[in-house]
């Protein structure tokens, strides 16, 4: 039977229409390789990747396997990187270093003294440089979903001790503790702040984060809004989002989508913010448009943390480093030496 399936798929590979875009992985598929200077080894390596990209009905097989794991076997690990929690909550089991994942959330991989000192030294250097140059510096560590909704994780993913997020905020209390702020709002409002089937927070969580930023900045810009009147304009039920898509089970899950409205009259904006960001910025953008006149963005993994020279050239009023919790390891890396002068 196995050989028969292989033969059928081999025939289908040459007969089924091939598409250029992989809608599940959100990428362009590889084109047929050409024999070049890389020789036979390079050609075969490229051909193997091409075959994998265009394997007929690949996601039908993946979908079937994950559905069997999720529904029939009640498995919590539907894939290496997606954890199926209670009440159809999905969690991302990875970080910038995949060996950490949810184990780091549980407190099994704390920073040692040298790592923690490096983080504090980096942040203090940036903070002091910004103070000298009349720039308001804010660090935003956006909590991972497991930090906000641990109750839906499988029981064995229980936080045993402080994790690196906790260590960071204890060592550098100047950073906004968004986990504390969002947990407090969640407790009193009963509203969802993260998508059940996505790695990201939603627009409501982004608005609450903007309110916290505005409160931090108000002593320096007293006429700005404080986001005291935020309402949910509309809500809808949609199909599963990125984590469900990673399982090829997007239509087997559902998620709640909020639309947010700011009801406070906006008369004065902060002239300029420069923000280093990852994908969590998407839910911050409506509030940022309300708070800042000019927004200069730098993508975390493309542009990196700007040099002091660039900050002086851009002359922002506010400098923000926004990192998802799983990317906080970047704070242990070397920053531009001019920050320490």
Protein backbone atom coordinates (compact mmCIF):
# COMPACT_ATOMS: atom_id res chain seq x y z
CA UNK A 1 0.00 0.00 0.00
CA UNK A 2 2.84 2.35 0.88
CA UNK A 3 4.58 1.73 -2.46
CA UNK A 4 1.27 2.20 -4.26
CA UNK A 5 0.74 5.60 -2.56
CA UNK A 6 4.27 6.65 -3.54
CA UNK A 7 3.68 5.62 -7.16
CA UNK A 8 0.36 7.48 -7.34
CA UNK A 9 1.91 10.64 -5.89
CA UNK A 10 4.87 10.35 -8.25
CA UNK A 11 2.47 10.31 -11.22
CA UNK A 12 0.40 13.15 -9.75
CA UNK A 13 3.54 15.22 -9.30
CA UNK A 14 3.94 15.42 -13.07
CA UNK A 15 0.24 15.74 -13.95
CA UNK A 16 -1.40 17.97 -11.33
CA UNK A 17 -1.29 21.71 -11.98
CA UNK A 18 1.42 23.50 -10.01
CA UNK A 19 0.81 26.85 -8.34
CA UNK A 20 3.49 29.48 -7.70
CA UNK A 21 2.20 30.59 -4.28
CA UNK A 22 1.97 28.43 -1.14
CA UNK A 23 -1.10 29.90 0.60
CA UNK A 24 -0.51 27.94 3.81
CA UNK A 25 3.17 28.81 4.29
CA UNK A 26 2.61 32.26 2.73
CA UNK A 27 5.58 32.07 0.39
CA UNK A 28 6.52 31.66 -3.26
CA UNK A 29 7.24 28.08 -4.26
CA UNK A 30 10.62 27.23 -5.74
CA UNK A 31 11.00 27.05 -9.48
CA UNK A 32 12.47 24.04 -11.28
CA UNK A 33 16.25 24.00 -10.70
CA UNK A 34 18.81 24.62 -13.38
CA UNK A 35 22.08 22.73 -13.55
CA UNK A 36 24.85 25.24 -12.78
CA UNK A 37 28.26 25.61 -11.14
CA UNK A 38 26.99 23.99 -7.92
CA UNK A 39 27.13 20.68 -9.77
CA UNK A 40 25.01 17.58 -9.32
CA UNK A 41 24.92 17.89 -5.51
CA UNK A 42 23.53 21.42 -5.67
CA UNK A 43 21.06 20.47 -8.39
CA UNK A 44 19.70 17.51 -6.39
CA UNK A 45 19.44 19.58 -3.21
CA UNK A 46 17.44 22.24 -5.06
CA UNK A 47 15.33 19.58 -6.76
CA UNK A 48 14.48 17.98 -3.41
CA UNK A 49 13.28 21.37 -2.10
CA UNK A 50 11.34 21.91 -5.34
CA UNK A 51 9.71 18.46 -4.98
CA UNK A 52 8.75 19.23 -1.38
CA UNK A 53 7.21 22.57 -2.36
CA UNK A 54 5.14 21.04 -5.17
CA UNK A 55 4.30 17.67 -3.60
CA UNK A 56 0.68 17.02 -4.69
CA UNK A 57 -1.96 17.37 -1.98
CA UNK A 58 0.76 17.89 0.63
CA UNK A 59 -1.47 19.91 2.92
CA UNK A 60 -4.32 17.44 2.57
CA UNK A 61 -2.05 14.83 4.14
CA UNK A 62 -0.86 17.25 6.83
CA UNK A 63 -4.41 18.34 7.57
CA UNK A 64 -5.59 14.73 7.88
CA UNK A 65 -2.71 13.79 10.17
CA UNK A 66 -3.16 16.80 12.44
CA UNK A 67 -6.92 16.29 12.53
CA UNK A 68 -6.42 12.68 13.64
CA UNK A 69 -3.98 13.82 16.33
CA UNK A 70 -6.25 16.60 17.55
CA UNK A 71 -9.66 14.91 17.40
CA UNK A 72 -9.13 11.15 17.59
CA UNK A 73 -5.95 10.87 19.66
CA UNK A 74 -6.57 14.04 21.73
CA UNK A 75 -2.91 14.94 21.27
CA UNK A 76 -1.64 18.25 22.66
CA UNK A 77 1.26 18.39 20.19
CA UNK A 78 -0.42 18.55 16.82
CA UNK A 79 2.93 19.66 15.37
CA UNK A 80 6.39 20.45 16.68
CA UNK A 81 5.57 24.13 17.07
CA UNK A 82 1.83 24.20 17.77
CA UNK A 83 0.35 23.14 21.09
CA UNK A 84 -3.39 22.43 21.18
CA UNK A 85 -4.67 23.67 24.52
CA UNK A 86 -8.03 23.51 26.24
CA UNK A 87 -11.16 24.96 24.61
CA UNK A 88 -9.43 25.03 21.20
CA UNK A 89 -6.74 27.49 22.26
CA UNK A 90 -3.53 27.17 20.22
CA UNK A 91 -0.04 28.13 21.43
CA UNK A 92 3.24 28.67 19.62
CA UNK A 93 5.92 26.38 21.05
CA UNK A 94 8.98 28.23 19.80
CA UNK A 95 11.17 31.24 20.36
CA UNK A 96 14.02 32.91 18.53
CA UNK A 97 15.96 29.92 19.85
CA UNK A 98 13.58 27.01 19.34
CA UNK A 99 15.15 24.97 22.15
CA UNK A 100 13.49 27.33 24.64
CA UNK A 101 9.84 27.35 23.63
CA UNK A 102 7.25 26.79 26.33
CA UNK A 103 9.91 25.36 28.65
CA UNK A 104 11.33 28.87 29.04
CA UNK A 105 7.85 30.12 29.91
CA UNK A 106 7.74 27.52 32.71
CA UNK A 107 10.97 28.90 34.19
CA UNK A 108 13.36 26.09 33.21
CA UNK A 109 15.82 28.34 31.35
CA UNK A 110 16.49 31.38 33.51
CA UNK A 111 19.15 33.90 32.51
CA UNK A 112 22.36 33.53 34.47
CA UNK A 113 23.90 36.51 36.26
CA UNK A 114 26.12 37.48 33.32
CA UNK A 115 23.26 37.35 30.80
CA UNK A 116 21.00 39.43 33.03
CA UNK A 117 23.74 41.97 33.63
CA UNK A 118 24.28 42.28 29.88
CA UNK A 119 20.58 43.01 29.37
CA UNK A 120 20.54 45.70 32.07
CA UNK A 121 23.80 47.22 30.84
CA UNK A 122 22.45 47.49 27.28
CA UNK A 123 19.17 49.04 28.35
CA UNK A 124 20.79 51.48 30.79
CA UNK A 125 23.21 52.64 28.09
CA UNK A 126 20.37 53.34 25.64
CA UNK A 127 18.33 55.03 28.36
CA UNK A 128 21.19 57.34 29.43
CA UNK A 129 22.02 58.24 25.82
CA UNK A 130 18.39 59.15 25.15
CA UNK A 131 18.15 61.25 28.31
CA UNK A 132 21.24 63.22 27.30
CA UNK A 133 19.69 63.95 23.90
CA UNK A 134 16.17 64.79 25.07
CA UNK A 135 14.63 61.58 23.68
CA UNK A 136 12.07 59.64 25.70
CA UNK A 137 13.02 55.95 25.63
CA UNK A 138 10.47 53.17 26.22
CA UNK A 139 10.96 49.41 26.16
CA UNK A 140 7.87 47.33 25.35
CA UNK A 141 8.09 43.58 25.85
CA UNK A 142 4.80 42.22 24.50
CA UNK A 143 3.79 39.14 26.51
CA UNK A 144 3.40 35.82 24.75
CA UNK A 145 -0.06 34.29 24.81
CA UNK A 146 0.99 31.62 27.30
CA UNK A 147 1.88 34.41 29.77
CA UNK A 148 -1.59 35.91 29.43
CA UNK A 149 -3.72 32.77 29.13
CA UNK A 150 -1.82 29.97 30.92
CA UNK A 151 -5.11 28.43 32.11
CA UNK A 152 -5.76 26.93 28.67
CA UNK A 153 -2.35 25.27 28.35
CA UNK A 154 -2.00 21.51 28.94
CA UNK A 155 -1.55 20.94 32.69
CA UNK A 156 2.12 20.00 32.42
CA UNK A 157 3.02 23.47 31.10
CA UNK A 158 2.87 25.10 34.52
CA UNK A 159 5.22 27.94 35.45
CA UNK A 160 7.47 26.59 38.21
CA UNK A 161 9.51 29.74 38.91
CA UNK A 162 10.32 33.16 37.47
CA UNK A 163 11.07 33.07 33.75
CA UNK A 164 13.19 35.48 31.74
CA UNK A 165 10.33 37.96 31.31
CA UNK A 166 9.98 38.16 35.10
CA UNK A 167 13.75 38.46 35.53
CA UNK A 168 13.91 41.33 33.05
CA UNK A 169 11.23 43.40 34.76
CA UNK A 170 12.74 42.81 38.19
CA UNK A 171 16.18 43.90 36.97
CA UNK A 172 14.94 46.80 34.80
CA UNK A 173 11.71 48.09 36.41
CA UNK A 174 11.73 51.16 34.14
CA UNK A 175 10.27 48.99 31.37
CA UNK A 176 6.50 48.94 31.04
CA UNK A 177 5.27 45.68 32.54
CA UNK A 178 2.63 44.99 29.92
CA UNK A 179 1.88 41.55 31.36
CA UNK A 180 0.78 43.09 34.65
CA UNK A 181 -1.20 45.83 32.87
CA UNK A 182 -2.98 43.44 30.49
CA UNK A 183 -3.69 40.83 33.18
CA UNK A 184 -5.30 43.54 35.32
CA UNK A 185 -7.50 44.64 32.41
CA UNK A 186 -8.36 41.05 31.52
CA UNK A 187 -9.44 40.32 35.10
CA UNK A 188 -11.91 43.23 35.23
CA UNK A 189 -13.18 43.38 31.64
CA UNK A 190 -13.69 39.76 30.62
CA UNK A 191 -12.68 40.69 27.05
CA UNK A 192 -10.30 38.66 24.91
CA UNK A 193 -6.90 40.29 24.48
CA UNK A 194 -5.27 37.63 22.29
CA UNK A 195 -6.54 35.52 19.42
CA UNK A 196 -7.27 31.92 20.37
CA UNK A 197 -5.69 30.56 17.19
CA UNK A 198 -2.93 33.10 16.56
CA UNK A 199 0.41 34.02 18.09
CA UNK A 200 -0.55 37.70 18.33
CA UNK A 201 -2.51 39.98 20.61
CA UNK A 202 -5.58 41.72 19.19
CA UNK A 203 -6.48 45.37 18.59
CA UNK A 204 -7.93 45.77 22.09
CA UNK A 205 -4.66 44.66 23.72
CA UNK A 206 -2.76 47.02 21.41
CA UNK A 207 -5.02 49.89 22.49
CA UNK A 208 -4.46 49.10 26.17
CA UNK A 209 -0.71 49.09 25.52
CA UNK A 210 -0.99 52.49 23.79
CA UNK A 211 -2.82 53.83 26.84
CA UNK A 212 0.04 52.68 29.06
CA UNK A 213 2.57 54.33 26.73
CA UNK A 214 0.60 57.60 26.71
CA UNK A 215 0.47 57.65 30.52
CA UNK A 216 4.25 57.20 30.62
CA UNK A 217 4.78 60.04 28.15
CA UNK A 218 2.21 62.51 29.49
CA UNK A 219 4.60 64.18 31.99
CA UNK A 220 6.76 65.18 29.00
CA UNK A 221 3.89 65.93 26.59
CA UNK A 222 1.07 67.11 28.91
CA UNK A 223 -1.50 67.85 26.20
CA UNK A 224 -1.65 64.40 24.58
CA UNK A 225 -4.64 62.09 24.90
CA UNK A 226 -4.65 59.33 27.51
CA UNK A 227 -6.95 56.78 25.78
CA UNK A 228 -9.43 56.88 28.66
CA UNK A 229 -12.37 56.14 26.39
CA UNK A 230 -11.78 53.01 24.31
CA UNK A 231 -14.69 50.92 23.08
CA UNK A 232 -15.24 47.87 20.93
CA UNK A 233 -16.86 49.19 17.79
CA UNK A 234 -17.66 45.80 16.31
CA UNK A 235 -16.86 42.11 16.73
CA UNK A 236 -17.12 39.15 14.42
CA UNK A 237 -16.32 35.44 14.26
CA UNK A 238 -13.73 34.45 11.68
CA UNK A 239 -11.91 31.25 10.76
CA UNK A 240 -8.70 30.22 12.53
CA UNK A 241 -5.61 32.37 12.17
CA UNK A 242 -1.86 31.75 11.85
CA UNK A 243 -1.43 28.82 14.28
CA UNK A 244 -4.46 27.03 12.83
CA UNK A 245 -3.00 27.72 9.40
CA UNK A 246 0.31 26.11 10.47
CA UNK A 247 -1.70 22.92 11.13
CA UNK A 248 -3.51 23.27 7.78
CA UNK A 249 -6.68 23.30 9.92
CA UNK A 250 -7.71 26.91 9.47
CA UNK A 251 -11.37 26.04 8.85
CA UNK A 252 -11.55 23.66 11.82
CA UNK A 253 -11.09 26.55 14.26
CA UNK A 254 -12.79 29.89 14.84
CA UNK A 255 -11.63 33.18 16.32
CA UNK A 256 -13.15 36.44 17.56
CA UNK A 257 -12.18 39.66 15.78
CA UNK A 258 -12.62 43.05 17.50
CA UNK A 259 -12.75 46.48 15.89
CA UNK A 260 -11.67 49.26 18.26
CA UNK A 261 -12.82 52.87 18.50
CA UNK A 262 -11.10 55.76 20.31
CA UNK A 263 -13.78 58.13 21.59
CA UNK A 264 -11.51 60.74 23.18
CA UNK A 265 -11.05 63.90 21.13
CA UNK A 266 -7.51 64.15 19.80
CA UNK A 267 -6.11 67.69 19.59
CA UNK A 268 -2.34 67.38 20.15
CA UNK A 269 0.05 64.70 18.93
CA UNK A 270 3.67 63.94 19.81
CA UNK A 271 5.66 65.08 16.75
CA UNK A 272 7.87 62.05 16.06
CA UNK A 273 8.42 58.49 17.28
CA UNK A 274 11.04 56.03 16.05
CA UNK A 275 10.14 52.43 16.80
CA UNK A 276 12.06 49.18 16.38
CA UNK A 277 9.40 46.51 16.01
CA UNK A 278 8.30 42.99 15.15
CA UNK A 279 4.89 41.78 13.97
CA UNK A 280 3.13 42.81 17.22
CA UNK A 281 3.19 46.41 15.99
CA UNK A 282 0.14 45.73 13.80
CA UNK A 283 -2.25 46.04 16.75
CA UNK A 284 -0.42 49.13 18.03
CA UNK A 285 -0.72 51.06 14.77
CA UNK A 286 -4.25 52.49 15.21
CA UNK A 287 -3.29 53.91 18.61
CA UNK A 288 0.09 55.13 17.35
CA UNK A 289 -1.62 56.99 14.49
CA UNK A 290 -3.76 58.67 17.15
CA UNK A 291 -0.78 59.53 19.39
CA UNK A 292 2.07 60.49 17.02
CA UNK A 293 2.28 62.82 14.01
CA UNK A 294 5.21 60.99 12.43
CA UNK A 295 6.12 57.32 12.86
CA UNK A 296 9.52 56.04 11.70
CA UNK A 297 9.65 52.24 11.68
CA UNK A 298 12.64 49.92 11.74
CA UNK A 299 12.03 46.19 11.37
CA UNK A 300 13.71 44.25 14.13
CA UNK A 301 15.31 41.50 12.03
CA UNK A 302 16.11 43.67 9.00
CA UNK A 303 17.20 47.05 10.36
CA UNK A 304 18.07 46.16 13.97
CA UNK A 305 18.44 48.61 16.84
CA UNK A 306 19.53 51.97 15.40
CA UNK A 307 22.95 53.41 16.11
CA UNK A 308 23.28 56.57 18.20
CA UNK A 309 24.28 58.36 15.01
CA UNK A 310 20.99 57.43 13.34
CA UNK A 311 18.96 58.52 16.38
CA UNK A 312 20.67 61.91 16.31
CA UNK A 313 20.01 62.19 12.59
CA UNK A 314 16.31 61.26 12.86
CA UNK A 315 15.81 63.38 16.01
CA UNK A 316 12.72 61.55 17.32
CA UNK A 317 10.91 62.80 20.41
CA UNK A 318 10.30 59.21 21.48
CA UNK A 319 12.34 56.06 20.84
CA UNK A 320 10.57 52.72 21.40
CA UNK A 321 11.96 49.20 21.25
CA UNK A 322 9.04 46.78 20.87
CA UNK A 323 9.80 43.08 21.20
CA UNK A 324 7.57 40.06 21.48
CA UNK A 325 8.44 38.13 24.64
CA UNK A 326 10.05 35.29 22.71
CA UNK A 327 12.49 37.73 21.07
CA UNK A 328 13.79 39.24 24.33
CA UNK A 329 17.04 37.28 23.85
CA UNK A 330 18.13 40.04 21.47
CA UNK A 331 18.68 42.21 24.52
CA UNK A 332 21.66 40.02 25.47
CA UNK A 333 23.41 40.80 22.17
CA UNK A 334 25.98 43.53 21.59
CA UNK A 335 24.58 46.97 20.86
CA UNK A 336 26.46 49.83 19.17
CA UNK A 337 29.46 50.77 21.35
CA UNK A 338 28.70 54.51 21.03
CA UNK A 339 25.76 54.03 23.40
CA UNK A 340 28.28 53.52 26.21
CA UNK A 341 30.24 56.74 25.60
